[in-house]
């Protein structure tokens, strides 16, 4: 906006302004834009049907499906590492290059770092 703010802006918040963040590829703004672009590239994440899957503790797992695309999404909301069993899908799952996704599908389970996630595409 070109308008003058009516509330004072603390100096520590100035670094969070768009005009400053867009200069840096590792900023929150850059990450947010990358995640939104990746989401738009996958129809199932935009308007797909959702099927929740069994998960223990602080893990959330679901499948999103639309337009022939089927994605497995697994999130760890804990501050310690977690894992989720892949079950019968091991040979049918490929990791999707999604910004910030650090989970790894290996040995019949998905290893999730603290506060991490995994997105995989069924083939």
PDB file of N, CA and C in Angstrom:
ATOM      1  N   UNK A   1       0.834  -1.180   0.000  1.00  0.00           N
ATOM      2  CA  UNK A   1       0.000   0.000   0.000  1.00  0.00           C
ATOM      3  C   UNK A   1       0.873   1.235   0.000  1.00  0.00           C
ATOM      4  N   UNK A   2       0.343   2.300  -0.574  1.00  0.00           N
ATOM      5  CA  UNK A   2       1.047   3.579  -0.529  1.00  0.00           C
ATOM      6  C   UNK A   2       0.627   4.407   0.672  1.00  0.00           C
ATOM      7  N   UNK A   3      -0.373   3.890   1.406  1.00  0.00           N
ATOM      8  CA  UNK A   3      -0.866   4.612   2.570  1.00  0.00           C
ATOM      9  C   UNK A   3       0.117   4.560   3.719  1.00  0.00           C
ATOM     10  N   UNK A   4       0.051   5.569   4.553  1.00  0.00           N
ATOM     11  CA  UNK A   4       0.921   5.622   5.722  1.00  0.00           C
ATOM     12  C   UNK A   4       0.261   4.840   6.860  1.00  0.00           C
ATOM     13  N   UNK A   5       1.005   3.910   7.491  1.00  0.00           N
ATOM     14  CA  UNK A   5       0.420   3.135   8.592  1.00  0.00           C
ATOM     15  C   UNK A   5       0.013   4.049   9.742  1.00  0.00           C
ATOM     16  N   UNK A   6      -1.107   3.727  10.369  1.00  0.00           N
ATOM     17  CA  UNK A   6      -1.565   4.535  11.495  1.00  0.00           C
ATOM     18  C   UNK A   6      -1.023   4.010  12.813  1.00  0.00           C
ATOM     19  N   UNK A   7      -0.455   2.805  12.779  1.00  0.00           N
ATOM     20  CA  UNK A   7       0.163   2.256  13.976  1.00  0.00           C
ATOM     21  C   UNK A   7       1.675   2.244  13.788  1.00  0.00           C
ATOM     22  N   UNK A   8       2.411   2.404  14.877  1.00  0.00           N
ATOM     23  CA  UNK A   8       3.874   2.346  14.732  1.00  0.00           C
ATOM     24  C   UNK A   8       4.326   0.935  14.356  1.00  0.00           C
ATOM     25  N   UNK A   9       5.384   0.850  13.557  1.00  0.00           N
ATOM     26  CA  UNK A   9       5.941  -0.439  13.154  1.00  0.00           C
ATOM     27  C   UNK A   9       7.253  -0.631  13.910  1.00  0.00           C
ATOM     28  N   UNK A  10       7.316  -1.638  14.774  1.00  0.00           N
ATOM     29  CA  UNK A  10       8.555  -1.868  15.521  1.00  0.00           C
ATOM     30  C   UNK A  10       9.708  -2.174  14.564  1.00  0.00           C
ATOM     31  N   UNK A  11      10.894  -1.691  14.869  1.00  0.00           N
ATOM     32  CA  UNK A  11      12.046  -1.896  13.983  1.00  0.00           C
ATOM     33  C   UNK A  11      12.307  -3.362  13.642  1.00  0.00           C
ATOM     34  N   UNK A  12      12.067  -4.287  14.595  1.00  0.00           N
ATOM     35  CA  UNK A  12      12.335  -5.700  14.333  1.00  0.00           C
ATOM     36  C   UNK A  12      11.368  -6.291  13.304  1.00  0.00           C
ATOM     37  N   UNK A  13      10.276  -5.603  12.994  1.00  0.00           N
ATOM     38  CA  UNK A  13       9.314  -6.090  11.998  1.00  0.00           C
ATOM     39  C   UNK A  13       9.637  -5.615  10.590  1.00  0.00           C
ATOM     40  N   UNK A  14      10.484  -4.624  10.460  1.00  0.00           N
ATOM     41  CA  UNK A  14      10.795  -4.087   9.135  1.00  0.00           C
ATOM     42  C   UNK A  14      11.443  -5.132   8.223  1.00  0.00           C
ATOM     43  N   UNK A  15      12.224  -6.040   8.794  1.00  0.00           N
ATOM     44  CA  UNK A  15      12.874  -7.085   7.993  1.00  0.00           C
ATOM     45  C   UNK A  15      11.858  -8.050   7.396  1.00  0.00           C
ATOM     46  N   UNK A  16      10.631  -8.066   7.927  1.00  0.00           N
ATOM     47  CA  UNK A  16       9.606  -8.968   7.433  1.00  0.00           C
ATOM     48  C   UNK A  16       8.786  -8.366   6.294  1.00  0.00           C
ATOM     49  N   UNK A  17       9.040  -7.126   5.926  1.00  0.00           N
ATOM     50  CA  UNK A  17       8.305  -6.471   4.848  1.00  0.00           C
ATOM     51  C   UNK A  17       8.605  -7.163   3.512  1.00  0.00           C
ATOM     52  N   UNK A  18       7.606  -7.196   2.635  1.00  0.00           N
ATOM     53  CA  UNK A  18       7.749  -7.863   1.345  1.00  0.00           C
ATOM     54  C   UNK A  18       8.924  -7.302   0.550  1.00  0.00           C
ATOM     55  N   UNK A  19       9.073  -5.991   0.520  1.00  0.00           N
ATOM     56  CA  UNK A  19      10.149  -5.413  -0.286  1.00  0.00           C
ATOM     57  C   UNK A  19      11.535  -5.848   0.189  1.00  0.00           C
ATOM     58  N   UNK A  20      11.653  -6.243   1.428  1.00  0.00           N
ATOM     59  CA  UNK A  20      12.936  -6.739   1.928  1.00  0.00           C
ATOM     60  C   UNK A  20      13.059  -8.252   1.747  1.00  0.00           C
ATOM     61  N   UNK A  21      11.976  -8.981   2.001  1.00  0.00           N
ATOM     62  CA  UNK A  21      12.039 -10.439   1.903  1.00  0.00           C
ATOM     63  C   UNK A  21      12.204 -10.928   0.470  1.00  0.00           C
ATOM     64  N   UNK A  22      11.667 -10.205  -0.503  1.00  0.00           N
ATOM     65  CA  UNK A  22      11.752 -10.698  -1.880  1.00  0.00           C
ATOM     66  C   UNK A  22      13.170 -10.675  -2.424  1.00  0.00           C
ATOM     67  N   UNK A  23      14.092 -10.088  -1.718  1.00  0.00           N
ATOM     68  CA  UNK A  23      15.501 -10.082  -2.121  1.00  0.00           C
ATOM     69  C   UNK A  23      16.206 -11.397  -1.797  1.00  0.00           C
ATOM     70  N   UNK A  24      15.635 -12.196  -0.907  1.00  0.00           N
ATOM     71  CA  UNK A  24      16.320 -13.376  -0.389  1.00  0.00           C
ATOM     72  C   UNK A  24      15.587 -14.658  -0.762  1.00  0.00           C
ATOM     73  N   UNK A  25      16.302 -15.610  -1.349  1.00  0.00           N
ATOM     74  CA  UNK A  25      15.684 -16.870  -1.775  1.00  0.00           C
ATOM     75  C   UNK A  25      15.318 -17.769  -0.598  1.00  0.00           C
ATOM     76  N   UNK A  26      15.856 -17.520   0.588  1.00  0.00           N
ATOM     77  CA  UNK A  26      15.554 -18.353   1.751  1.00  0.00           C
ATOM     78  C   UNK A  26      14.614 -17.664   2.747  1.00  0.00           C
ATOM     79  N   UNK A  27      13.942 -16.607   2.308  1.00  0.00           N
ATOM     80  CA  UNK A  27      13.032 -15.882   3.203  1.00  0.00           C
ATOM     81  C   UNK A  27      11.715 -16.635   3.374  1.00  0.00           C
ATOM     82  N   UNK A  28      10.953 -16.252   4.377  1.00  0.00           N
ATOM     83  CA  UNK A  28       9.628 -16.834   4.595  1.00  0.00           C
ATOM     84  C   UNK A  28       8.752 -16.575   3.375  1.00  0.00           C
ATOM     85  N   UNK A  29       8.833 -15.389   2.803  1.00  0.00           N
ATOM     86  CA  UNK A  29       8.048 -15.055   1.617  1.00  0.00           C
ATOM     87  C   UNK A  29       8.400 -15.978   0.450  1.00  0.00           C
ATOM     88  N   UNK A  30       9.695 -16.198   0.216  1.00  0.00           N
ATOM     89  CA  UNK A  30      10.124 -17.077  -0.883  1.00  0.00           C
ATOM     90  C   UNK A  30       9.632 -18.500  -0.651  1.00  0.00           C
ATOM     91  N   UNK A  31       9.720 -18.984   0.576  1.00  0.00           N
ATOM     92  CA  UNK A  31       9.250 -20.341   0.884  1.00  0.00           C
ATOM     93  C   UNK A  31       7.746 -20.438   0.679  1.00  0.00           C
ATOM     94  N   UNK A  32       7.013 -19.447   1.132  1.00  0.00           N
ATOM     95  CA  UNK A  32       5.559 -19.435   0.993  1.00  0.00           C
ATOM     96  C   UNK A  32       5.159 -19.451  -0.480  1.00  0.00           C
ATOM     97  N   UNK A  33       5.823 -18.639  -1.298  1.00  0.00           N
ATOM     98  CA  UNK A  33       5.532 -18.608  -2.728  1.00  0.00           C
ATOM     99  C   UNK A  33       5.869 -19.934  -3.398  1.00  0.00           C
ATOM    100  N   UNK A  34       6.971 -20.556  -2.993  1.00  0.00           N
ATOM    101  CA  UNK A  34       7.363 -21.844  -3.574  1.00  0.00           C
ATOM    102  C   UNK A  34       6.360 -22.941  -3.226  1.00  0.00           C
ATOM    103  N   UNK A  35       5.887 -22.948  -1.990  1.00  0.00           N
ATOM    104  CA  UNK A  35       4.900 -23.952  -1.574  1.00  0.00           C
ATOM    105  C   UNK A  35       3.593 -23.742  -2.335  1.00  0.00           C
ATOM    106  N   UNK A  36       3.156 -22.495  -2.487  1.00  0.00           N
ATOM    107  CA  UNK A  36       1.925 -22.229  -3.234  1.00  0.00           C
ATOM    108  C   UNK A  36       2.060 -22.640  -4.701  1.00  0.00           C
ATOM    109  N   UNK A  37       3.202 -22.389  -5.298  1.00  0.00           N
ATOM    110  CA  UNK A  37       3.421 -22.790  -6.694  1.00  0.00           C
ATOM    111  C   UNK A  37       3.416 -24.314  -6.824  1.00  0.00           C
ATOM    112  N   UNK A  38       4.053 -25.005  -5.884  1.00  0.00           N
ATOM    113  CA  UNK A  38       4.061 -26.471  -5.917  1.00  0.00           C
ATOM    114  C   UNK A  38       2.658 -27.018  -5.721  1.00  0.00           C
ATOM    115  N   UNK A  39       1.885 -26.386  -4.851  1.00  0.00           N
ATOM    116  CA  UNK A  39       0.502 -26.817  -4.627  1.00  0.00           C
ATOM    117  C   UNK A  39      -0.326 -26.662  -5.905  1.00  0.00           C
ATOM    118  N   UNK A  40      -0.164 -25.534  -6.594  1.00  0.00           N
ATOM    119  CA  UNK A  40      -0.902 -25.315  -7.844  1.00  0.00           C
ATOM    120  C   UNK A  40      -0.530 -26.338  -8.912  1.00  0.00           C
ATOM    121  N   UNK A  41       0.681 -26.878  -8.850  1.00  0.00           N
ATOM    122  CA  UNK A  41       1.142 -27.849  -9.841  1.00  0.00           C
ATOM    123  C   UNK A  41       0.543 -29.238  -9.626  1.00  0.00           C
ATOM    124  N   UNK A  42      -0.116 -29.446  -8.505  1.00  0.00           N
ATOM    125  CA  UNK A  42      -0.698 -30.749  -8.179  1.00  0.00           C
ATOM    126  C   UNK A  42      -2.195 -30.602  -7.962  1.00  0.00           C
ATOM    127  N   UNK A  43      -3.002 -30.978  -8.966  1.00  0.00           N
ATOM    128  CA  UNK A  43      -4.456 -30.827  -8.875  1.00  0.00           C
ATOM    129  C   UNK A  43      -5.061 -31.470  -7.634  1.00  0.00           C
ATOM    130  N   UNK A  44      -4.503 -32.579  -7.197  1.00  0.00           N
ATOM    131  CA  UNK A  44      -5.071 -33.257  -6.029  1.00  0.00           C
ATOM    132  C   UNK A  44      -4.921 -32.435  -4.755  1.00  0.00           C
ATOM    133  N   UNK A  45      -3.906 -31.590  -4.680  1.00  0.00           N
ATOM    134  CA  UNK A  45      -3.742 -30.745  -3.490  1.00  0.00           C
ATOM    135  C   UNK A  45      -4.658 -29.525  -3.530  1.00  0.00           C
ATOM    136  N   UNK A  46      -5.101 -29.157  -4.716  1.00  0.00           N
ATOM    137  CA  UNK A  46      -5.963 -27.979  -4.850  1.00  0.00           C
ATOM    138  C   UNK A  46      -7.420 -28.334  -4.604  1.00  0.00           C
ATOM    139  N   UNK A  47      -7.911 -29.393  -5.261  1.00  0.00           N
ATOM    140  CA  UNK A  47      -9.337 -29.705  -5.150  1.00  0.00           C
ATOM    141  C   UNK A  47      -9.614 -31.202  -5.075  1.00  0.00           C
ATOM    142  N   UNK A  48      -8.645 -31.971  -4.649  1.00  0.00           N
ATOM    143  CA  UNK A  48      -8.812 -33.419  -4.603  1.00  0.00           C
ATOM    144  C   UNK A  48      -9.599 -33.906  -3.402  1.00  0.00           C
ATOM    145  N   UNK A  49     -10.134 -35.103  -3.564  1.00  0.00           N
ATOM    146  CA  UNK A  49     -10.806 -35.772  -2.446  1.00  0.00           C
ATOM    147  C   UNK A  49      -9.740 -36.144  -1.421  1.00  0.00           C
ATOM    148  N   UNK A  50     -10.140 -36.200  -0.163  1.00  0.00           N
ATOM    149  CA  UNK A  50      -9.200 -36.523   0.903  1.00  0.00           C
ATOM    150  C   UNK A  50      -9.670 -37.763   1.648  1.00  0.00           C
ATOM    151  N   UNK A  51      -8.718 -38.645   1.931  1.00  0.00           N
ATOM    152  CA  UNK A  51      -8.984 -39.849   2.724  1.00  0.00           C
ATOM    153  C   UNK A  51      -7.977 -39.885   3.863  1.00  0.00           C
ATOM    154  N   UNK A  52      -8.469 -39.750   5.079  1.00  0.00           N
ATOM    155  CA  UNK A  52      -7.582 -39.798   6.240  1.00  0.00           C
ATOM    156  C   UNK A  52      -7.128 -41.231   6.479  1.00  0.00           C
ATOM    157  N   UNK A  53      -5.879 -41.382   6.910  1.00  0.00           N
ATOM    158  CA  UNK A  53      -5.293 -42.691   7.180  1.00  0.00           C
ATOM    159  C   UNK A  53      -4.956 -42.810   8.663  1.00  0.00           C
ATOM    160  N   UNK A  54      -4.877 -44.030   9.152  1.00  0.00           N
ATOM    161  CA  UNK A  54      -4.508 -44.253  10.545  1.00  0.00           C
ATOM    162  C   UNK A  54      -3.088 -43.786  10.795  1.00  0.00           C
ATOM    163  N   UNK A  55      -2.904 -43.069  11.882  1.00  0.00           N
ATOM    164  CA  UNK A  55      -1.579 -42.607  12.290  1.00  0.00           C
ATOM    165  C   UNK A  55      -1.587 -42.448  13.804  1.00  0.00           C
ATOM    166  N   UNK A  56      -0.447 -42.691  14.421  1.00  0.00           N
ATOM    167  CA  UNK A  56      -0.330 -42.594  15.873  1.00  0.00           C
ATOM    168  C   UNK A  56       0.337 -41.298  16.293  1.00  0.00           C
ATOM    169  N   UNK A  57       0.066 -40.886  17.520  1.00  0.00           N
ATOM    170  CA  UNK A  57       0.746 -39.744  18.120  1.00  0.00           C
ATOM    171  C   UNK A  57       0.486 -38.454  17.377  1.00  0.00           C
ATOM    172  N   UNK A  58       1.567 -37.755  17.104  1.00  0.00           N
ATOM    173  CA  UNK A  58       1.483 -36.435  16.473  1.00  0.00           C
ATOM    174  C   UNK A  58       1.651 -36.488  14.961  1.00  0.00           C
ATOM    175  N   UNK A  59       1.390 -37.638  14.371  1.00  0.00           N
ATOM    176  CA  UNK A  59       1.516 -37.795  12.916  1.00  0.00           C
ATOM    177  C   UNK A  59       0.127 -37.744  12.284  1.00  0.00           C
ATOM    178  N   UNK A  60       0.016 -36.990  11.201  1.00  0.00           N
ATOM    179  CA  UNK A  60      -1.209 -36.899  10.408  1.00  0.00           C
ATOM    180  C   UNK A  60      -0.886 -37.449   9.023  1.00  0.00           C
ATOM    181  N   UNK A  61      -1.719 -38.373   8.546  1.00  0.00           N
ATOM    182  CA  UNK A  61      -1.494 -38.968   7.225  1.00  0.00           C
ATOM    183  C   UNK A  61      -2.808 -39.004   6.459  1.00  0.00           C
ATOM    184  N   UNK A  62      -2.737 -38.651   5.175  1.00  0.00           N
ATOM    185  CA  UNK A  62      -3.922 -38.705   4.323  1.00  0.00           C
ATOM    186  C   UNK A  62      -3.514 -38.841   2.867  1.00  0.00           C
ATOM    187  N   UNK A  63      -4.470 -39.231   2.045  1.00  0.00           N
ATOM    188  CA  UNK A  63      -4.282 -39.331   0.599  1.00  0.00           C
ATOM    189  C   UNK A  63      -5.186 -38.301  -0.047  1.00  0.00           C
ATOM    190  N   UNK A  64      -4.643 -37.554  -1.017  1.00  0.00           N
ATOM    191  CA  UNK A  64      -5.424 -36.610  -1.831  1.00  0.00           C
ATOM    192  C   UNK A  64      -5.429 -37.137  -3.250  1.00  0.00           C
ATOM    193  N   UNK A  65      -6.597 -37.072  -3.902  1.00  0.00           N
ATOM    194  CA  UNK A  65      -6.719 -37.667  -5.232  1.00  0.00           C
ATOM    195  C   UNK A  65      -7.613 -36.819  -6.121  1.00  0.00           C
ATOM    196  N   UNK A  66      -7.126 -36.525  -7.349  1.00  0.00           N
ATOM    197  CA  UNK A  66      -7.903 -35.797  -8.364  1.00  0.00           C
ATOM    198  C   UNK A  66      -7.197 -35.909  -9.701  1.00  0.00           C
ATOM    199  N   UNK A  67      -7.989 -35.932 -10.766  1.00  0.00           N
ATOM    200  CA  UNK A  67      -7.486 -35.903 -12.139  1.00  0.00           C
ATOM    201  C   UNK A  67      -6.378 -36.929 -12.394  1.00  0.00           C
ATOM    202  N   UNK A  68      -6.544 -38.118 -11.864  1.00  0.00           N
ATOM    203  CA  UNK A  68      -5.575 -39.180 -12.085  1.00  0.00           C
ATOM    204  C   UNK A  68      -4.326 -39.093 -11.229  1.00  0.00           C
ATOM    205  N   UNK A  69      -4.236 -38.112 -10.391  1.00  0.00           N
ATOM    206  CA  UNK A  69      -3.084 -37.965  -9.502  1.00  0.00           C
ATOM    207  C   UNK A  69      -3.502 -38.384  -8.098  1.00  0.00           C
ATOM    208  N   UNK A  70      -2.632 -39.156  -7.447  1.00  0.00           N
ATOM    209  CA  UNK A  70      -2.913 -39.625  -6.087  1.00  0.00           C
ATOM    210  C   UNK A  70      -1.668 -39.387  -5.245  1.00  0.00           C
ATOM    211  N   UNK A  71      -1.788 -38.548  -4.216  1.00  0.00           N
ATOM    212  CA  UNK A  71      -0.643 -38.200  -3.381  1.00  0.00           C
ATOM    213  C   UNK A  71      -0.855 -38.649  -1.945  1.00  0.00           C
ATOM    214  N   UNK A  72       0.204 -39.159  -1.343  1.00  0.00           N
ATOM    215  CA  UNK A  72       0.231 -39.477   0.076  1.00  0.00           C
ATOM    216  C   UNK A  72       0.914 -38.321   0.788  1.00  0.00           C
ATOM    217  N   UNK A  73       0.263 -37.773   1.804  1.00  0.00           N
ATOM    218  CA  UNK A  73       0.805 -36.660   2.570  1.00  0.00           C
ATOM    219  C   UNK A  73       0.913 -37.093   4.030  1.00  0.00           C
ATOM    220  N   UNK A  74       2.110 -36.991   4.602  1.00  0.00           N
ATOM    221  CA  UNK A  74       2.330 -37.396   5.985  1.00  0.00           C
ATOM    222  C   UNK A  74       3.071 -36.263   6.699  1.00  0.00           C
ATOM    223  N   UNK A  75       2.516 -35.821   7.829  1.00  0.00           N
ATOM    224  CA  UNK A  75       3.052 -34.691   8.576  1.00  0.00           C
ATOM    225  C   UNK A  75       3.377 -35.101  10.009  1.00  0.00           C
ATOM    226  N   UNK A  76       4.499 -34.634  10.513  1.00  0.00           N
ATOM    227  CA  UNK A  76       4.890 -34.866  11.900  1.00  0.00           C
ATOM    228  C   UNK A  76       4.775 -33.538  12.650  1.00  0.00           C
ATOM    229  N   UNK A  77       3.862 -33.455  13.591  1.00  0.00           N
ATOM    230  CA  UNK A  77       3.659 -32.229  14.356  1.00  0.00           C
ATOM    231  C   UNK A  77       4.411 -32.229  15.683  1.00  0.00           C
ATOM    232  N   UNK A  78       5.260 -33.220  15.900  1.00  0.00           N
ATOM    233  CA  UNK A  78       6.035 -33.316  17.137  1.00  0.00           C
ATOM    234  C   UNK A  78       7.399 -32.652  16.965  1.00  0.00           C
ATOM    235  N   UNK A  79       8.006 -32.321  18.079  1.00  0.00           N
ATOM    236  CA  UNK A  79       9.338 -31.718  18.052  1.00  0.00           C
ATOM    237  C   UNK A  79      10.436 -32.764  18.123  1.00  0.00           C
ATOM    238  N   UNK A  80      10.065 -34.033  17.970  1.00  0.00           N
ATOM    239  CA  UNK A  80      11.037 -35.111  17.848  1.00  0.00           C
ATOM    240  C   UNK A  80      10.705 -35.917  16.597  1.00  0.00           C
ATOM    241  N   UNK A  81      11.696 -36.619  16.101  1.00  0.00           N
ATOM    242  CA  UNK A  81      11.510 -37.423  14.878  1.00  0.00           C
ATOM    243  C   UNK A  81      10.411 -38.459  15.079  1.00  0.00           C
ATOM    244  N   UNK A  82       9.764 -38.831  13.988  1.00  0.00           N
ATOM    245  CA  UNK A  82       8.709 -39.842  14.028  1.00  0.00           C
ATOM    246  C   UNK A  82       8.780 -40.658  12.745  1.00  0.00           C
ATOM    247  N   UNK A  83       8.002 -41.714  12.677  1.00  0.00           N
ATOM    248  CA  UNK A  83       7.923 -42.501  11.455  1.00  0.00           C
ATOM    249  C   UNK A  83       6.495 -42.959  11.271  1.00  0.00           C
ATOM    250  N   UNK A  84       6.196 -43.311  10.023  1.00  0.00           N
ATOM    251  CA  UNK A  84       4.856 -43.788   9.658  1.00  0.00           C
ATOM    252  C   UNK A  84       5.028 -44.978   8.727  1.00  0.00           C
ATOM    253  N   UNK A  85       4.352 -46.103   9.012  1.00  0.00           N
ATOM    254  CA  UNK A  85       4.522 -47.295   8.168  1.00  0.00           C
ATOM    255  C   UNK A  85       3.884 -47.113   6.792  1.00  0.00           C
ATOM    256  N   UNK A  86       4.613 -47.480   5.762  1.00  0.00           N
ATOM    257  CA  UNK A  86       4.112 -47.368   4.392  1.00  0.00           C
ATOM    258  C   UNK A  86       3.125 -48.483   4.073  1.00  0.00           C
ATOM    259  N   UNK A  87       3.173 -49.562   4.774  1.00  0.00           N
ATOM    260  CA  UNK A  87       2.290 -50.710   4.580  1.00  0.00           C
ATOM    261  C   UNK A  87       2.566 -51.361   3.234  1.00  0.00           C
ATOM    262  N   UNK A  88       1.542 -51.549   2.425  1.00  0.00           N
ATOM    263  CA  UNK A  88       1.683 -52.267   1.152  1.00  0.00           C
ATOM    264  C   UNK A  88       2.069 -51.367  -0.015  1.00  0.00           C
ATOM    265  N   UNK A  89       2.344 -50.101   0.233  1.00  0.00           N
ATOM    266  CA  UNK A  89       2.537 -49.145  -0.860  1.00  0.00           C
ATOM    267  C   UNK A  89       3.989 -48.941  -1.248  1.00  0.00           C
ATOM    268  N   UNK A  90       4.915 -49.585  -0.585  1.00  0.00           N
ATOM    269  CA  UNK A  90       6.335 -49.275  -0.753  1.00  0.00           C
ATOM    270  C   UNK A  90       6.783 -49.209  -2.208  1.00  0.00           C
ATOM    271  N   UNK A  91       6.407 -50.180  -3.044  1.00  0.00           N
ATOM    272  CA  UNK A  91       6.843 -50.181  -4.429  1.00  0.00           C
ATOM    273  C   UNK A  91       6.064 -49.258  -5.330  1.00  0.00           C
ATOM    274  N   UNK A  92       5.024 -48.621  -4.800  1.00  0.00           N
ATOM    275  CA  UNK A  92       4.149 -47.780  -5.608  1.00  0.00           C
ATOM    276  C   UNK A  92       4.308 -46.291  -5.322  1.00  0.00           C
ATOM    277  N   UNK A  93       5.281 -45.919  -4.520  1.00  0.00           N
ATOM    278  CA  UNK A  93       5.365 -44.555  -4.026  1.00  0.00           C
ATOM    279  C   UNK A  93       6.664 -43.880  -4.429  1.00  0.00           C
ATOM    280  N   UNK A  94       6.567 -42.703  -5.045  1.00  0.00           N
ATOM    281  CA  UNK A  94       7.736 -41.899  -5.387  1.00  0.00           C
ATOM    282  C   UNK A  94       7.641 -40.578  -4.652  1.00  0.00           C
ATOM    283  N   UNK A  95       8.737 -40.127  -4.096  1.00  0.00           N
ATOM    284  CA  UNK A  95       8.766 -38.840  -3.403  1.00  0.00           C
ATOM    285  C   UNK A  95       8.512 -37.711  -4.390  1.00  0.00           C
ATOM    286  N   UNK A  96       7.753 -36.711  -3.970  1.00  0.00           N
ATOM    287  CA  UNK A  96       7.466 -35.535  -4.791  1.00  0.00           C
ATOM    288  C   UNK A  96       8.377 -34.413  -4.327  1.00  0.00           C
ATOM    289  N   UNK A  97       8.998 -33.719  -5.276  1.00  0.00           N
ATOM    290  CA  UNK A  97       9.851 -32.580  -4.927  1.00  0.00           C
ATOM    291  C   UNK A  97       8.958 -31.434  -4.489  1.00  0.00           C
ATOM    292  N   UNK A  98       8.855 -31.246  -3.183  1.00  0.00           N
ATOM    293  CA  UNK A  98       7.977 -30.231  -2.615  1.00  0.00           C
ATOM    294  C   UNK A  98       8.805 -29.396  -1.657  1.00  0.00           C
ATOM    295  N   UNK A  99       8.743 -28.065  -1.739  1.00  0.00           N
ATOM    296  CA  UNK A  99       9.591 -27.210  -0.910  1.00  0.00           C
ATOM    297  C   UNK A  99       9.480 -27.527   0.580  1.00  0.00           C
ATOM    298  N   UNK A 100      10.608 -27.766   1.201  1.00  0.00           N
ATOM    299  CA  UNK A 100      10.650 -27.999   2.634  1.00  0.00           C
ATOM    300  C   UNK A 100      10.359 -29.417   3.069  1.00  0.00           C
ATOM    301  N   UNK A 101       9.940 -30.289   2.154  1.00  0.00           N
ATOM    302  CA  UNK A 101       9.651 -31.672   2.522  1.00  0.00           C
ATOM    303  C   UNK A 101      10.965 -32.387   2.808  1.00  0.00           C
ATOM    304  N   UNK A 102      11.088 -32.929   4.009  1.00  0.00           N
ATOM    305  CA  UNK A 102      12.330 -33.579   4.411  1.00  0.00           C
ATOM    306  C   UNK A 102      12.130 -35.037   4.766  1.00  0.00           C
ATOM    307  N   UNK A 103      10.902 -35.516   4.732  1.00  0.00           N
ATOM    308  CA  UNK A 103      10.643 -36.908   5.055  1.00  0.00           C
ATOM    309  C   UNK A 103      11.253 -37.821   4.010  1.00  0.00           C
ATOM    310  N   UNK A 104      11.506 -39.068   4.402  1.00  0.00           N
ATOM    311  CA  UNK A 104      12.155 -40.005   3.508  1.00  0.00           C
ATOM    312  C   UNK A 104      11.482 -41.366   3.611  1.00  0.00           C
ATOM    313  N   UNK A 105      11.066 -41.910   2.475  1.00  0.00           N
ATOM    314  CA  UNK A 105      10.444 -43.229   2.441  1.00  0.00           C
ATOM    315  C   UNK A 105      11.529 -44.271   2.230  1.00  0.00           C
ATOM    316  N   UNK A 106      11.711 -45.129   3.224  1.00  0.00           N
ATOM    317  CA  UNK A 106      12.755 -46.137   3.138  1.00  0.00           C
ATOM    318  C   UNK A 106      12.416 -47.288   4.078  1.00  0.00           C
ATOM    319  N   UNK A 107      12.737 -48.488   3.665  1.00  0.00           N
ATOM    320  CA  UNK A 107      12.578 -49.678   4.506  1.00  0.00           C
ATOM    321  C   UNK A 107      11.159 -49.873   5.027  1.00  0.00           C
ATOM    322  N   UNK A 108      10.170 -49.629   4.190  1.00  0.00           N
ATOM    323  CA  UNK A 108       8.802 -49.881   4.588  1.00  0.00           C
ATOM    324  C   UNK A 108       8.195 -48.867   5.526  1.00  0.00           C
ATOM    325  N   UNK A 109       8.852 -47.730   5.680  1.00  0.00           N
ATOM    326  CA  UNK A 109       8.287 -46.669   6.525  1.00  0.00           C
ATOM    327  C   UNK A 109       8.792 -45.309   6.064  1.00  0.00           C
ATOM    328  N   UNK A 110       8.093 -44.284   6.502  1.00  0.00           N
ATOM    329  CA  UNK A 110       8.497 -42.917   6.181  1.00  0.00           C
ATOM    330  C   UNK A 110       9.089 -42.303   7.438  1.00  0.00           C
ATOM    331  N   UNK A 111      10.348 -41.915   7.347  1.00  0.00           N
ATOM    332  CA  UNK A 111      11.022 -41.242   8.459  1.00  0.00           C
ATOM    333  C   UNK A 111      10.750 -39.754   8.352  1.00  0.00           C
ATOM    334  N   UNK A 112      10.270 -39.173   9.442  1.00  0.00           N
ATOM    335  CA  UNK A 112       9.914 -37.755   9.455  1.00  0.00           C
ATOM    336  C   UNK A 112      10.749 -37.023  10.496  1.00  0.00           C
ATOM    337  N   UNK A 113      11.435 -35.955  10.097  1.00  0.00           N
ATOM    338  CA  UNK A 113      12.174 -35.167  11.078  1.00  0.00           C
ATOM    339  C   UNK A 113      11.193 -34.397  11.957  1.00  0.00           C
ATOM    340  N   UNK A 114      11.662 -33.816  13.041  1.00  0.00           N
ATOM    341  CA  UNK A 114      10.772 -32.992  13.866  1.00  0.00           C
ATOM    342  C   UNK A 114      10.090 -31.927  13.017  1.00  0.00           C
ATOM    343  N   UNK A 115       8.788 -31.816  13.159  1.00  0.00           N
ATOM    344  CA  UNK A 115       7.973 -30.837  12.425  1.00  0.00           C
ATOM    345  C   UNK A 115       8.163 -30.958  10.915  1.00  0.00           C
ATOM    346  N   UNK A 116       8.466 -32.141  10.429  1.00  0.00           N
ATOM    347  CA  UNK A 116       8.718 -32.367   9.010  1.00  0.00           C
ATOM    348  C   UNK A 116       7.538 -33.028   8.322  1.00  0.00           C
ATOM    349  N   UNK A 117       7.642 -33.130   7.006  1.00  0.00           N
ATOM    350  CA  UNK A 117       6.579 -33.779   6.253  1.00  0.00           C
ATOM    351  C   UNK A 117       7.122 -34.462   5.009  1.00  0.00           C
ATOM    352  N   UNK A 118       6.286 -35.339   4.457  1.00  0.00           N
ATOM    353  CA  UNK A 118       6.608 -36.094   3.255  1.00  0.00           C
ATOM    354  C   UNK A 118       5.401 -36.047   2.335  1.00  0.00           C
ATOM    355  N   UNK A 119       5.655 -35.870   1.048  1.00  0.00           N
ATOM    356  CA  UNK A 119       4.598 -35.980   0.047  1.00  0.00           C
ATOM    357  C   UNK A 119       5.100 -36.925  -1.026  1.00  0.00           C
ATOM    358  N   UNK A 120       4.324 -37.970  -1.288  1.00  0.00           N
ATOM    359  CA  UNK A 120       4.711 -38.969  -2.266  1.00  0.00           C
ATOM    360  C   UNK A 120       3.593 -39.199  -3.262  1.00  0.00           C
ATOM    361  N   UNK A 121       3.960 -39.531  -4.488  1.00  0.00           N
ATOM    362  CA  UNK A 121       3.002 -39.781  -5.568  1.00  0.00           C
ATOM    363  C   UNK A 121       2.921 -41.275  -5.817  1.00  0.00           C
ATOM    364  N   UNK A 122       1.707 -41.782  -5.903  1.00  0.00           N
ATOM    365  CA  UNK A 122       1.499 -43.179  -6.240  1.00  0.00           C
ATOM    366  C   UNK A 122       1.709 -43.367  -7.738  1.00  0.00           C
ATOM    367  N   UNK A 123       2.429 -44.410  -8.120  1.00  0.00           N
ATOM    368  CA  UNK A 123       2.690 -44.682  -9.531  1.00  0.00           C
ATOM    369  C   UNK A 123       1.947 -45.926  -9.975  1.00  0.00           C
TER     370      UNK A 123
END
